[in-house]
Amino acid sequence: MNVQVVLKRPRIIDVVPIDLVDGELVDREGKPTHKFRGQLICFTSDDLMIRRPSGAILVVDSYEVNSYSDGKTHLEPE
């Protein structure tokens, strides 16, 4: 199911490169966003797992999510 996710605070939603030598995240580039779309893989009371159009899988904690919707049903985490 494809959904639109609305976050409480803006966040950079992009693939994050990792420095393989140090194992550290490289500085993120991109523009923070409140909304993004993707395919809902699964959700629990703790988090959502979304597959982005790029194929990357994003796990978002429920406390970061304001709402998510498939265009017909609008849900808000408790």
Protein backbone atom coordinates (compact mmCIF):
# COMPACT_ATOMS: atom_id res chain seq x y z
CA MET A 1 0.00 0.00 0.00
CA ASN A 2 1.40 3.40 -0.99
CA VAL A 3 1.10 6.02 1.73
CA GLN A 4 1.95 9.64 2.40
CA VAL A 5 3.66 10.17 5.75
CA VAL A 6 3.50 13.53 7.56
CA LEU A 7 6.21 14.10 10.15
CA LYS A 8 5.94 16.27 13.26
CA ARG A 9 9.30 17.93 12.54
CA PRO A 10 11.13 18.28 9.20
CA ARG A 11 13.71 15.61 8.46
CA ILE A 12 16.08 14.83 5.61
CA ILE A 13 14.63 11.77 3.88
CA ASP A 14 17.44 10.44 1.70
CA VAL A 15 19.91 7.62 1.46
CA VAL A 16 22.69 8.26 3.98
CA PRO A 17 26.22 7.31 2.91
CA ILE A 18 28.44 5.62 5.50
CA ASP A 19 32.21 5.99 5.77
CA LEU A 20 33.22 2.32 5.55
CA VAL A 21 36.62 2.94 7.15
CA ASP A 22 35.29 4.57 10.33
CA GLY A 23 31.72 3.25 10.21
CA GLU A 24 30.48 6.80 10.75
CA LEU A 25 27.65 8.55 8.90
CA VAL A 26 28.75 11.15 6.37
CA ASP A 27 27.09 14.58 6.68
CA ARG A 28 23.62 14.44 5.18
CA GLU A 29 22.87 16.56 2.18
CA GLY A 30 19.41 17.52 1.12
CA LYS A 31 16.44 19.56 2.16
CA PRO A 32 14.40 18.67 5.27
CA THR A 33 10.79 17.77 4.53
CA HIS A 34 7.58 17.26 6.49
CA LYS A 35 5.93 14.94 3.94
CA PHE A 36 7.10 12.01 1.87
CA ARG A 37 5.60 9.04 0.02
CA GLY A 38 6.47 5.39 -0.05
CA GLN A 39 5.16 1.86 0.13
CA LEU A 40 4.12 0.78 3.62
CA ILE A 41 5.88 -2.51 4.40
CA CYS A 42 4.74 -2.89 8.01
CA PHE A 43 3.81 -0.89 11.07
CA THR A 44 3.76 -1.52 14.79
CA SER A 45 2.93 0.61 17.79
CA ASP A 46 6.63 1.61 17.84
CA ASP A 47 7.51 2.34 14.21
CA LEU A 48 6.67 2.36 10.49
CA MET A 49 8.74 0.65 7.80
CA ILE A 50 8.47 2.39 4.41
CA ARG A 51 10.06 1.48 1.06
CA ARG A 52 11.02 4.68 -0.75
CA PRO A 53 10.75 5.00 -4.56
CA SER A 54 14.57 4.69 -4.68
CA GLY A 55 14.23 1.20 -3.14
CA ALA A 56 15.72 2.27 0.19
CA ILE A 57 13.88 1.09 3.31
CA LEU A 58 13.20 3.73 5.92
CA VAL A 59 12.19 2.97 9.52
CA VAL A 60 10.49 5.89 11.27
CA ASP A 61 9.66 5.91 15.00
CA SER A 62 5.95 6.43 15.67
CA TYR A 63 6.62 9.42 17.91
CA GLU A 64 8.05 11.25 14.84
CA VAL A 65 4.91 10.67 12.75
CA ASN A 66 2.01 13.11 12.81
CA SER A 67 -0.15 11.05 10.42
CA TYR A 68 -0.08 8.71 7.44
CA SER A 69 -2.64 8.20 4.71
CA ASP A 70 -3.26 6.13 1.59
CA GLY A 71 -5.54 8.85 0.18
CA LYS A 72 -8.69 7.16 1.50
CA THR A 73 -7.85 6.33 5.12
CA HIS A 74 -6.13 8.84 7.41
CA LEU A 75 -4.38 7.36 10.46
CA GLU A 76 -2.60 8.95 13.40
CA PRO A 77 -0.33 7.00 15.77
CA GLU A 78 -1.48 6.85 19.37
